[in-house]
Structure formats: structure tokens, C-alpha cells
C-alpha atoms as a PDB file:
ATOM      1  CA  MET A   1     101.709  87.768  81.416  1.00  0.00           C
ATOM      2  CA  THR A   2      98.365  88.765  83.339  1.00  0.00           C
ATOM      3  CA  ARG A   3      98.523  91.416  86.032  1.00  0.00           C
ATOM      4  CA  SER A   4      97.487  89.903  89.309  1.00  0.00           C
ATOM      5  CA  PHE A   5      95.970  92.949  90.571  1.00  0.00           C
ATOM      6  CA  TYR A   6      93.135  93.085  88.344  1.00  0.00           C
ATOM      7  CA  ARG A   7      92.379  89.558  89.065  1.00  0.00           C
ATOM      8  CA  LEU A   8      92.057  90.421  92.724  1.00  0.00           C
ATOM      9  CA  VAL A   9      90.025  93.451  92.372  1.00  0.00           C
ATOM     10  CA  ALA A  10      87.599  91.225  89.921  1.00  0.00           C
ATOM     11  CA  VAL A  11      87.281  88.716  92.817  1.00  0.00           C
ATOM     12  CA  HIS A  12      86.526  91.670  95.261  1.00  0.00           C
ATOM     13  CA  LEU A  13      84.182  93.379  92.860  1.00  0.00           C
ATOM     14  CA  ILE A  14      82.229  90.032  92.435  1.00  0.00           C
ATOM     15  CA  PHE A  15      81.877  89.895  96.305  1.00  0.00           C
ATOM     16  CA  VAL A  16      80.704  93.426  96.463  1.00  0.00           C
ATOM     17  CA  ILE A  17      77.957  92.682  93.961  1.00  0.00           C
ATOM     18  CA  LEU A  18      76.949  89.303  96.003  1.00  0.00           C
ATOM     19  CA  SER A  19      76.875  91.484  99.228  1.00  0.00           C
ATOM     20  CA  TRP A  20      74.602  94.112  97.513  1.00  0.00           C
ATOM     21  CA  ILE A  21      72.386  91.006  96.210  1.00  0.00           C
ATOM     22  CA  ASN A  22      72.392  89.660  99.862  1.00  0.00           C
ATOM     23  CA  SER A  23      71.309  92.852 101.473  1.00  0.00           C
ATOM     24  CA  TRP A  24      67.983  92.813  99.605  1.00  0.00           C
ATOM     25  CA  PRO A  25      66.066  90.329 101.880  1.00  0.00           C
ATOM     26  CA  SER A  26      66.916  92.619 104.801  1.00  0.00           C
ATOM     27  CA  ARG A  27      65.810  95.683 103.194  1.00  0.00           C
ATOM     28  CA  MET A  28      62.609  93.976 101.673  1.00  0.00           C
ATOM     29  CA  VAL A  29      61.509  93.718 105.553  1.00  0.00           C
ATOM     30  CA  TYR A  30      61.188  97.734 105.802  1.00  0.00           C
ATOM     31  CA  THR A  31      59.498  98.775 102.753  1.00  0.00           C
ATOM     32  CA  GLU A  32      55.495  99.018 102.415  1.00  0.00           C
ATOM     33  CA  ASP A  33      55.602  97.356  98.740  1.00  0.00           C
ATOM     34  CA  PHE A  34      57.595  94.093  99.569  1.00  0.00           C
ATOM     35  CA  SER A  35      56.100  93.337 103.180  1.00  0.00           C
ATOM     36  CA  TYR A  36      53.590  90.968 101.541  1.00  0.00           C
ATOM     37  CA  PHE A  37      56.428  89.116  99.705  1.00  0.00           C
ATOM     38  CA  ALA A  38      58.511  89.188 102.892  1.00  0.00           C
ATOM     39  CA  LYS A  39      55.825  87.885 105.162  1.00  0.00           C
ATOM     40  CA  VAL A  40      55.512  84.781 102.639  1.00  0.00           C
ATOM     41  CA  PHE A  41      59.286  84.558 102.521  1.00  0.00           C
ATOM     42  CA  PHE A  42      59.495  84.651 106.148  1.00  0.00           C
ATOM     43  CA  LYS A  43      56.565  81.962 106.563  1.00  0.00           C
ATOM     44  CA  HIS A  44      58.186  79.452 104.359  1.00  0.00           C
ATOM     45  CA  PHE A  45      61.684  80.012 104.894  1.00  0.00           C
ATOM     46  CA  PRO A  46      62.215  81.430 108.492  1.00  0.00           C
ATOM     47  CA  LYS A  47      65.739  80.191 109.038  1.00  0.00           C
ATOM     48  CA  LEU A  48      66.796  81.652 105.524  1.00  0.00           C
ATOM     49  CA  PHE A  49      66.412  85.284 106.863  1.00  0.00           C
ATOM     50  CA  ASN A  50      68.566  84.591 109.931  1.00  0.00           C
ATOM     51  CA  PHE A  51      71.241  82.856 107.289  1.00  0.00           C
ATOM     52  CA  PHE A  52      71.200  86.105 105.300  1.00  0.00           C
ATOM     53  CA  MET A  53      71.924  87.978 108.307  1.00  0.00           C
ATOM     54  CA  VAL A  54      75.019  85.782 109.189  1.00  0.00           C
ATOM     55  CA  LEU A  55      75.858  85.993 105.318  1.00  0.00           C
ATOM     56  CA  GLY A  56      75.865  89.651 105.745  1.00  0.00           C
ATOM     57  CA  ILE A  57      78.330  89.742 108.326  1.00  0.00           C
ATOM     58  CA  ALA A  58      80.460  87.308 106.658  1.00  0.00           C
ATOM     59  CA  PHE A  59      80.396  89.595 103.463  1.00  0.00           C
ATOM     60  CA  LEU A  60      81.768  92.531 105.789  1.00  0.00           C
ATOM     61  CA  HIS A  61      84.498  90.517 106.913  1.00  0.00           C
ATOM     62  CA  PHE A  62      85.374  89.044 103.579  1.00  0.00           C
ATOM     63  CA  GLN A  63      85.325  92.729 101.825  1.00  0.00           C
ATOM     64  CA  SER A  64      87.543  94.247 104.765  1.00  0.00           C
ATOM     65  CA  ILE A  65      90.127  91.461 104.232  1.00  0.00           C
ATOM     66  CA  SER A  66      90.042  91.523 100.426  1.00  0.00           C
ATOM     67  CA  SER A  67      90.940  95.288 100.432  1.00  0.00           C
ATOM     68  CA  ILE A  68      93.763  94.617 102.857  1.00  0.00           C
ATOM     69  CA  ILE A  69      94.704  91.904 100.229  1.00  0.00           C
ATOM     70  CA  ILE A  70      94.577  94.433  97.273  1.00  0.00           C
ATOM     71  CA  CYS A  71      96.541  96.961  99.316  1.00  0.00           C
ATOM     72  CA  ILE A  72      99.280  94.286  99.982  1.00  0.00           C
ATOM     73  CA  ASN A  73      99.497  93.319  96.384  1.00  0.00           C
ATOM     74  CA  ARG A  74      99.748  96.699  95.282  1.00  0.00           C
ATOM     75  CA  LEU A  75     102.751  97.497  97.955  1.00  0.00           C
ATOM     76  CA  ARG A  76     104.556  94.338  96.944  1.00  0.00           C
ATOM     77  CA  MET A  77     104.517  94.776  93.290  1.00  0.00           C
ATOM     78  CA  ALA A  78     105.450  98.443  93.606  1.00  0.00           C
ATOM     79  CA  ASN A  79     109.329  96.996  93.164  1.00  0.00           C
ATOM     80  CA  PRO A  80     110.283  96.671  89.350  1.00  0.00           C
ATOM     81  CA  LEU A  81     113.035  94.235  90.095  1.00  0.00           C
ATOM     82  CA  LYS A  82     110.830  91.666  91.594  1.00  0.00           C
ATOM     83  CA  TYR A  83     107.574  92.231  89.540  1.00  0.00           C
ATOM     84  CA  LYS A  84     107.711  89.078  87.484  1.00  0.00           C
ATOM     85  CA  GLU A  85     108.358  86.987  90.540  1.00  0.00           C
ATOM     86  CA  ARG A  86     105.701  88.367  92.688  1.00  0.00           C
ATOM     87  CA  ASN A  87     103.055  88.467  89.920  1.00  0.00           C
ATOM     88  CA  ASP A  88     103.594  85.107  89.250  1.00  0.00           C
ATOM     89  CA  PHE A  89     103.109  84.258  93.180  1.00  0.00           C
ATOM     90  CA  TRP A  90      99.645  86.393  93.083  1.00  0.00           C
ATOM     91  CA  ASN A  91      98.447  84.845  89.784  1.00  0.00           C
ATOM     92  CA  ARG A  92      99.285  81.061  91.187  1.00  0.00           C
ATOM     93  CA  TRP A  93      97.849  81.461  94.627  1.00  0.00           C
ATOM     94  CA  PHE A  94      95.075  84.230  94.425  1.00  0.00           C
ATOM     95  CA  ILE A  95      92.335  81.426  94.384  1.00  0.00           C
ATOM     96  CA  LEU A  96      93.753  79.310  97.579  1.00  0.00           C
ATOM     97  CA  ILE A  97      94.046  82.830  99.286  1.00  0.00           C
ATOM     98  CA  TYR A  98      90.647  83.815  98.758  1.00  0.00           C
ATOM     99  CA  THR A  99      89.351  80.674  99.572  1.00  0.00           C
ATOM    100  CA  VAL A 100      90.845  80.835 102.945  1.00  0.00           C
ATOM    101  CA  VAL A 101      89.539  84.313 103.509  1.00  0.00           C
ATOM    102  CA  LEU A 102      86.186  83.224 102.443  1.00  0.00           C
ATOM    103  CA  ILE A 103      86.266  80.209 104.965  1.00  0.00           C
ATOM    104  CA  VAL A 104      87.698  82.636 107.763  1.00  0.00           C
ATOM    105  CA  SER A 105      85.146  85.131 107.143  1.00  0.00           C
ATOM    106  CA  CYS A 106      82.275  82.465 106.988  1.00  0.00           C
ATOM    107  CA  LEU A 107      83.397  81.360 110.404  1.00  0.00           C
ATOM    108  CA  ALA A 108      83.984  84.824 111.930  1.00  0.00           C
ATOM    109  CA  GLY A 109      80.297  85.883 110.695  1.00  0.00           C
ATOM    110  CA  LYS A 110      78.896  82.624 112.271  1.00  0.00           C
ATOM    111  CA  PHE A 111      80.889  82.300 115.493  1.00  0.00           C
ATOM    112  CA  LEU A 112      82.462  85.770 116.492  1.00  0.00           C
ATOM    113  CA  ALA A 113      79.540  87.869 115.936  1.00  0.00           C
ATOM    114  CA  PHE A 114      75.998  88.161 117.249  1.00  0.00           C
ATOM    115  CA  PRO A 115      73.853  88.000 114.200  1.00  0.00           C
ATOM    116  CA  PRO A 116      70.306  89.642 114.294  1.00  0.00           C
ATOM    117  CA  THR A 117      67.447  87.408 114.122  1.00  0.00           C
ATOM    118  CA  VAL A 118      64.154  88.096 112.404  1.00  0.00           C
ATOM    119  CA  ASP A 119      60.662  87.443 113.913  1.00  0.00           C
ATOM    120  CA  PHE A 120      57.488  88.028 112.529  1.00  0.00           C
ATOM    121  CA  PHE A 121      54.399  89.106 114.767  1.00  0.00           C
ATOM    122  CA  SER A 122      51.259  88.173 112.896  1.00  0.00           C
ATOM    123  CA  GLU A 123      48.914  90.068 115.470  1.00  0.00           C
ATOM    124  CA  THR A 124      50.642  93.532 114.351  1.00  0.00           C
ATOM    125  CA  GLY A 125      52.017  92.246 110.951  1.00  0.00           C
ATOM    126  CA  LYS A 126      55.625  93.842 111.586  1.00  0.00           C
ATOM    127  CA  PHE A 127      58.759  92.208 111.458  1.00  0.00           C
ATOM    128  CA  ARG A 128      61.324  92.822 114.411  1.00  0.00           C
ATOM    129  CA  PHE A 129      65.101  92.423 114.262  1.00  0.00           C
ATOM    130  CA  ILE A 130      66.312  91.354 117.263  1.00  0.00           C
ATOM    131  CA  VAL A 131      70.054  92.207 117.336  1.00  0.00           C
ATOM    132  CA  TRP A 132      71.059  90.406 120.690  1.00  0.00           C
ATOM    133  CA  SER A 133      69.357  88.586 122.869  1.00  0.00           C
ATOM    134  CA  LEU A 134      70.149  86.872 126.158  1.00  0.00           C
ATOM    135  CA  VAL A 135      67.410  84.224 125.368  1.00  0.00           C
ATOM    136  CA  ARG A 136      68.053  81.876 122.536  1.00  0.00           C
END
């Protein structure tokens, strides 16, 4: 019998690491050393920067909901009389639960938030994040 809590924590940890990796393109814009790479990257893939912004918002939603799921799991598993039944439930359905959470988080990142867009100004050689613009 495996413990469902550790599976949930492992999934949460994987998405925390993916979120950290996703944050690097955004941080690359602000550093002196990597500005050249950011310019080349932005020149060839301008929409990809904006995708990373939407993905960052989706990861924030996912991490919050995942933490709530872990807490619900711990609270439901506290009853020793129903431990086996509830452990089997979480072991059986955790992939479906996290798939639904991932889809909802991506939709929230895309449609419920105003992700910043990234623009590069070749005159100044600087990047600018537009957090919310009335003109799109």
C-alpha cells in the first residue's frame, strides 16, 4: 500500500521546479550578462516570451490549488478508521484531479488575468513589460 500524500507532494514538487524553470526567460531580460541572449531569443520567438508570462500565471494558480489539495488530503487521511478507503481514493484519482487542476489553471492564466506582454525597443536596446494595456 502506497501513501497518497507522497504522490501529491511529488506532483507538487515537479510543478514547483517547472515553475522555477519557467521564470528564467523573464529574469533573463533584466540581467546585464544575458541581455544579448534575450534579444536574440525575442527576435526569433517574440510570442514565446508572452507564452512564458501566461504560463507563469497558470503555475501560480496550479501551485495554490495543489497546496489546497495536499491539505485536503491530510485532513481526510487523519481518520484511522477510513485510512485505507481514502488512501485508495487518492491513489486512484490523483492523476485525474491534477489534470483537471492543470487545465483550469491554464485557462485561468489565459483568460482570467492580464498577462504582461514583452516589447523590445531596438532604439534603446531595452525590454519593457506592459502589464496592462488598453490598446491590444
